[in-house]
Protein backbone atom coordinates (compact mmCIF):
# COMPACT_ATOMS: atom_id res chain seq x y z
CA MET A 1 107.55 84.49 -45.46
CA SER A 2 107.71 82.72 -41.85
CA ASP A 3 111.53 81.55 -40.29
CA LYS A 4 109.41 79.48 -38.43
CA LYS A 5 109.59 75.76 -39.03
CA ARG A 6 106.99 72.80 -37.91
CA SER A 7 108.66 70.62 -35.44
CA ARG A 8 108.38 66.96 -36.30
CA TYR A 9 107.28 65.04 -33.60
CA PRO A 10 107.60 60.79 -33.64
CA LEU A 11 104.71 58.74 -33.15
CA GLU A 12 106.16 57.23 -30.02
CA PHE A 13 106.48 60.67 -29.04
CA LYS A 14 103.18 61.98 -29.66
CA GLU A 15 101.77 58.72 -27.70
CA SER A 16 103.48 58.73 -24.91
CA SER A 17 103.28 62.62 -24.19
CA ALA A 18 99.22 61.94 -24.22
CA LYS A 19 99.39 59.05 -22.21
CA LEU A 20 101.64 60.74 -19.25
CA ALA A 21 99.56 63.87 -19.61
CA LEU A 22 96.01 61.64 -19.13
CA GLU A 23 98.13 59.72 -16.04
CA SER A 24 99.42 62.63 -14.60
CA SER A 25 97.19 64.21 -11.96
CA ASN A 26 98.31 67.93 -13.40
CA PRO A 27 97.54 69.42 -15.85
CA VAL A 28 97.18 69.04 -19.75
CA THR A 29 98.59 72.73 -20.19
CA GLN A 30 101.08 72.12 -17.21
CA THR A 31 102.13 68.63 -18.84
CA ALA A 32 102.39 70.47 -21.96
CA LYS A 33 104.42 72.96 -20.84
CA GLU A 34 107.49 70.05 -19.43
CA LEU A 35 107.39 68.31 -22.11
CA GLY A 36 107.70 72.16 -24.22
CA ILE A 37 105.08 71.32 -26.61
CA HIS A 38 102.10 74.17 -27.32
CA PRO A 39 99.14 72.93 -25.26
CA VAL A 40 96.71 72.61 -28.28
CA THR A 41 99.18 70.18 -29.49
CA LEU A 42 99.42 67.90 -26.70
CA HIS A 43 94.97 67.72 -26.91
CA SER A 44 95.27 66.92 -30.30
CA TRP A 45 97.62 63.93 -29.24
CA ILE A 46 95.25 62.95 -26.68
CA LYS A 47 91.85 63.06 -28.75
CA LYS A 48 93.91 61.17 -31.29
CA PHE A 49 95.13 58.67 -29.33
CA TYR A 50 92.70 57.96 -26.85
CA PRO A 51 89.80 58.80 -28.11
CA ASN A 52 87.36 57.87 -25.18
CA LYS A 53 89.96 59.48 -21.81
CA SER A 54 88.06 62.77 -21.00
CA THR A 55 90.97 65.72 -19.68
CA GLN A 56 87.75 67.08 -17.79
CA PRO A 57 88.59 67.90 -14.07
CA VAL A 58 86.76 65.39 -11.50
CA SER A 59 84.36 66.38 -8.80
CA LYS A 60 84.96 67.40 -6.25
CA ASP A 61 82.65 65.02 -4.13
CA SER A 62 84.70 61.92 -5.54
CA LEU A 63 88.15 63.33 -4.91
CA GLN A 64 86.38 63.52 -1.47
CA ASP A 65 85.59 59.79 -1.05
CA GLU A 66 88.60 58.78 -2.49
CA ASN A 67 90.83 60.98 -0.10
CA HIS A 68 88.27 58.90 2.87
CA GLN A 69 88.60 55.59 1.22
CA LEU A 70 92.08 56.23 0.87
CA LYS A 71 93.01 57.40 4.83
CA ARG A 72 91.06 54.04 5.28
CA GLU A 73 93.69 51.75 3.56
CA ASN A 74 96.41 53.88 4.92
CA ALA A 75 95.32 53.08 8.66
CA ARG A 76 94.98 49.61 7.80
CA LEU A 77 98.37 49.86 6.40
CA LYS A 78 100.25 51.33 9.10
CA GLN A 79 98.84 48.50 11.34
CA GLU A 80 99.93 45.76 9.88
CA ARG A 81 103.18 47.84 9.46
CA ASP A 82 103.45 47.84 13.47
CA ILE A 83 102.37 44.39 13.95
CA LEU A 84 104.62 42.85 11.20
CA LYS A 85 107.52 45.53 13.01
CA LYS A 86 106.23 43.82 16.55
CA ALA A 87 106.97 40.56 15.06
CA ALA A 88 110.15 41.40 13.52
CA ALA A 89 111.78 42.84 17.35
CA TYR A 90 109.86 39.74 18.75
CA PHE A 91 112.04 36.53 16.76
CA ALA A 92 114.66 38.74 16.48
CA ARG A 93 114.71 38.52 20.20
CA GLU A 94 114.08 34.92 20.17
CA GLU A 95 117.84 33.14 19.38
């Protein structure tokens, strides 16, 4: 007989682990390692709690599109921040 005991995880842990694996930018196997569980176990929890979600890698084109969009948004936000800094400095001098 084996001395290995099966671990029982609370339902909340299973569900939150599956959600974390899906929302994380890390691979599922790395998330499983960080949580101290076997990757196959985490994959089964994902299938159980989020059957319509995919853990397949995203295509390179979609990542490039998203990166381009985020760079444009970042540039716009920097521009807005600079305008607000100048306005704050202007109003601080008027006293």
